[in-house]
Amino acid sequence: MSDEVTRVTKVHPASGRVLRVRFAGERRNRELDMTGLIARSPHFAPLDDAESFAKVVIVEDGLGVAWPIQTKWGRLDVSASTLRRIAEEQEPMTGEDFAEWRTILGLSLTEAAKLLGVGRRTIMGYLKKDELPSVVAIACRALARDKHLLAAHYVPARKINRPAA
């Protein structure tokens, strides 16, 4: 686990419910679509108004962003670590990313196909794509993040030789 704390160094509203955010240590801005968070959380409902959404500022020395809106839960804010997680989840997954995912999890083409419920040819096609379907990216990230989820759905393609107990 890294001791580095996630910090926001720049934040600006972009079009719609999108924030343009730069994190400490990064050279590029990321665009985070906050539409889902606003729609799914009563806490963030006040940000459905474009004028309110545009008033975003960095708070707590970059540990988060906030809006000048008080709710019954307190100040309307989002931590930098939550913003980073949203940014990572919204990044498109490329064929190269998919190959790295397979390598990290130690999956054969057949095992990846069984895990994702597709054929081997589909997996080989994913390896060549510029951008995979978002549902595949979501599934891959969830499986990489949660070892229990992976264990619950993993089917080895080859017999595992284990010493007798």
Protein backbone atom coordinates (compact mmCIF):
# COMPACT_ATOMS: atom_id res chain seq x y z
CA MET A 1 0.00 0.00 0.00
CA SER A 2 1.34 3.40 -0.95
CA ASP A 3 1.96 6.08 1.66
CA GLU A 4 1.25 8.72 -0.96
CA VAL A 5 -1.93 10.67 -0.37
CA THR A 6 -4.04 11.52 -3.40
CA ARG A 7 -4.34 15.27 -3.93
CA VAL A 8 -6.12 17.44 -6.47
CA THR A 9 -4.01 20.29 -7.86
CA LYS A 10 -6.52 21.71 -10.38
CA VAL A 11 -10.26 21.47 -10.86
CA HIS A 12 -12.57 23.18 -13.34
CA PRO A 13 -16.06 22.37 -14.55
CA ALA A 14 -16.21 21.22 -18.16
CA SER A 15 -19.31 20.55 -20.23
CA GLY A 16 -22.39 19.02 -18.61
CA ARG A 17 -21.59 17.36 -15.28
CA VAL A 18 -17.93 16.81 -16.09
CA LEU A 19 -15.03 17.96 -13.93
CA ARG A 20 -11.60 18.54 -15.41
CA VAL A 21 -9.23 17.43 -12.65
CA ARG A 22 -5.46 17.20 -12.31
CA PHE A 23 -3.97 15.05 -9.58
CA ALA A 24 -0.62 15.73 -7.91
CA GLY A 25 2.19 14.02 -9.75
CA GLU A 26 0.33 13.85 -13.06
CA ARG A 27 0.95 15.96 -16.15
CA ARG A 28 -2.46 15.69 -17.72
CA ASN A 29 -5.97 16.65 -16.75
CA ARG A 30 -8.58 13.96 -16.48
CA GLU A 31 -12.23 14.45 -17.30
CA LEU A 32 -14.54 12.88 -14.75
CA ASP A 33 -18.19 12.50 -15.61
CA MET A 34 -20.01 13.07 -12.33
CA THR A 35 -23.47 12.45 -13.83
CA GLY A 36 -23.88 9.03 -12.21
CA LEU A 37 -22.83 10.22 -8.76
CA ILE A 38 -25.22 13.17 -8.96
CA ALA A 39 -28.08 11.01 -10.20
CA ARG A 40 -27.58 8.15 -7.72
CA SER A 41 -26.90 10.06 -4.51
CA PRO A 42 -29.41 12.37 -2.80
CA HIS A 43 -26.39 14.06 -1.20
CA PHE A 44 -25.24 15.33 -4.62
CA ALA A 45 -28.69 16.18 -6.04
CA PRO A 46 -28.07 19.96 -5.66
CA LEU A 47 -25.32 19.66 -8.30
CA ASP A 48 -27.89 18.87 -10.97
CA ASP A 49 -28.02 22.66 -11.36
CA ALA A 50 -25.25 23.77 -13.78
CA GLU A 51 -24.65 27.04 -11.94
CA SER A 52 -24.09 25.24 -8.62
CA PHE A 53 -21.93 22.57 -10.26
CA ALA A 54 -19.66 25.25 -11.74
CA LYS A 55 -18.75 26.59 -8.26
CA VAL A 56 -16.39 23.67 -7.49
CA VAL A 57 -13.20 24.51 -5.55
CA ILE A 58 -10.25 22.60 -4.14
CA VAL A 59 -10.38 22.16 -0.35
CA GLU A 60 -8.16 20.89 2.44
CA ASP A 61 -4.91 21.47 0.55
CA GLY A 62 -6.07 19.26 -2.32
CA LEU A 63 -7.50 16.40 -0.29
CA GLY A 64 -10.81 16.98 -2.05
CA VAL A 65 -13.13 19.34 -3.85
CA ALA A 66 -16.27 21.03 -2.57
CA TRP A 67 -19.16 23.23 -3.54
CA PRO A 68 -20.55 26.11 -1.44
CA ILE A 69 -23.67 24.10 -0.66
CA GLN A 70 -24.75 22.88 2.76
CA THR A 71 -26.86 19.74 2.93
CA LYS A 72 -28.38 17.96 5.89
CA TRP A 73 -25.24 15.79 5.81
CA GLY A 74 -22.88 18.80 5.92
CA ARG A 75 -20.69 20.45 3.30
CA LEU A 76 -21.02 19.07 -0.21
CA ASP A 77 -17.61 17.61 -1.04
CA VAL A 78 -15.79 14.68 -2.61
CA SER A 79 -12.41 13.33 -1.53
CA ALA A 80 -9.48 13.30 -3.92
CA SER A 81 -9.21 9.52 -3.52
CA THR A 82 -12.85 9.10 -4.59
CA LEU A 83 -12.24 11.35 -7.59
CA ARG A 84 -9.17 9.29 -8.55
CA ARG A 85 -11.20 6.07 -8.28
CA ILE A 86 -13.90 7.54 -10.54
CA ALA A 87 -11.22 8.66 -13.01
CA GLU A 88 -9.63 5.20 -13.06
CA GLU A 89 -12.98 3.49 -13.54
CA GLN A 90 -13.89 5.81 -16.41
CA GLU A 91 -10.58 5.32 -18.27
CA PRO A 92 -11.15 3.28 -21.43
CA MET A 93 -9.50 -0.15 -21.37
CA THR A 94 -7.32 -0.89 -24.40
CA GLY A 95 -6.18 -4.22 -25.78
CA GLU A 96 -2.79 -3.51 -24.22
CA ASP A 97 -4.45 -2.89 -20.83
CA PHE A 98 -6.41 -6.13 -21.29
CA ALA A 99 -3.20 -8.08 -22.01
CA GLU A 100 -1.66 -6.62 -18.85
CA TRP A 101 -4.78 -7.60 -16.85
CA ARG A 102 -4.48 -11.20 -18.10
CA THR A 103 -0.78 -11.29 -17.22
CA ILE A 104 -1.29 -9.86 -13.73
CA LEU A 105 -4.05 -12.40 -13.00
CA GLY A 106 -2.10 -15.21 -14.67
CA LEU A 107 -4.94 -16.15 -17.00
CA SER A 108 -4.68 -18.13 -20.20
CA LEU A 109 -6.83 -17.13 -23.16
CA THR A 110 -9.22 -19.97 -22.32
CA GLU A 111 -9.42 -19.01 -18.64
CA ALA A 112 -10.08 -15.36 -19.48
CA ALA A 113 -12.78 -16.45 -21.93
CA LYS A 114 -14.50 -18.65 -19.33
CA LEU A 115 -14.22 -15.94 -16.70
CA LEU A 116 -15.84 -13.31 -18.94
CA GLY A 117 -18.36 -15.65 -20.55
CA VAL A 118 -17.08 -15.22 -24.11
CA GLY A 119 -15.15 -17.32 -26.62
CA ARG A 120 -11.38 -17.53 -27.06
CA ARG A 121 -11.64 -15.68 -30.37
CA THR A 122 -13.38 -12.79 -28.63
CA ILE A 123 -10.52 -12.63 -26.10
CA MET A 124 -7.97 -12.61 -28.95
CA GLY A 125 -9.97 -9.81 -30.59
CA TYR A 126 -9.97 -7.79 -27.37
CA LEU A 127 -6.16 -7.88 -27.38
CA LYS A 128 -6.14 -5.94 -30.68
CA LYS A 129 -8.80 -3.34 -29.84
CA ASP A 130 -8.16 0.34 -29.20
CA GLU A 131 -11.04 0.35 -26.71
CA LEU A 132 -12.89 -2.56 -25.16
CA PRO A 133 -16.62 -2.45 -24.37
CA SER A 134 -17.16 -0.69 -21.06
CA VAL A 135 -18.87 -3.74 -19.53
CA VAL A 136 -15.69 -5.76 -20.15
CA ALA A 137 -13.51 -3.07 -18.57
CA ILE A 138 -15.82 -2.90 -15.54
CA ALA A 139 -15.73 -6.69 -15.12
CA CYS A 140 -11.95 -6.89 -15.53
CA ARG A 141 -11.30 -4.14 -12.99
CA ALA A 142 -13.70 -5.68 -10.48
CA LEU A 143 -12.10 -9.12 -10.87
CA ALA A 144 -8.60 -7.67 -10.44
CA ARG A 145 -9.63 -5.69 -7.36
CA ASP A 146 -11.58 -8.44 -5.55
CA LYS A 147 -9.82 -11.78 -5.05
CA HIS A 148 -13.05 -13.32 -3.71
CA LEU A 149 -14.97 -12.37 -6.83
CA LEU A 150 -12.18 -13.85 -8.95
CA ALA A 151 -12.09 -17.07 -6.91
CA ALA A 152 -15.87 -17.42 -7.12
CA HIS A 153 -15.89 -17.33 -10.93
CA TYR A 154 -12.47 -18.68 -11.97
CA VAL A 155 -12.35 -22.04 -13.73
CA PRO A 156 -8.86 -23.36 -14.48
CA ALA A 157 -8.30 -24.46 -18.06
CA ARG A 158 -5.83 -27.12 -17.01
CA LYS A 159 -5.73 -29.62 -14.22
CA ILE A 160 -3.97 -28.27 -11.15
CA ASN A 161 -1.40 -30.71 -9.79
CA ARG A 162 -1.54 -30.55 -6.05
CA PRO A 163 0.34 -32.76 -3.61
CA ALA A 164 -1.80 -35.32 -1.85
CA ALA A 165 -3.03 -34.20 1.55
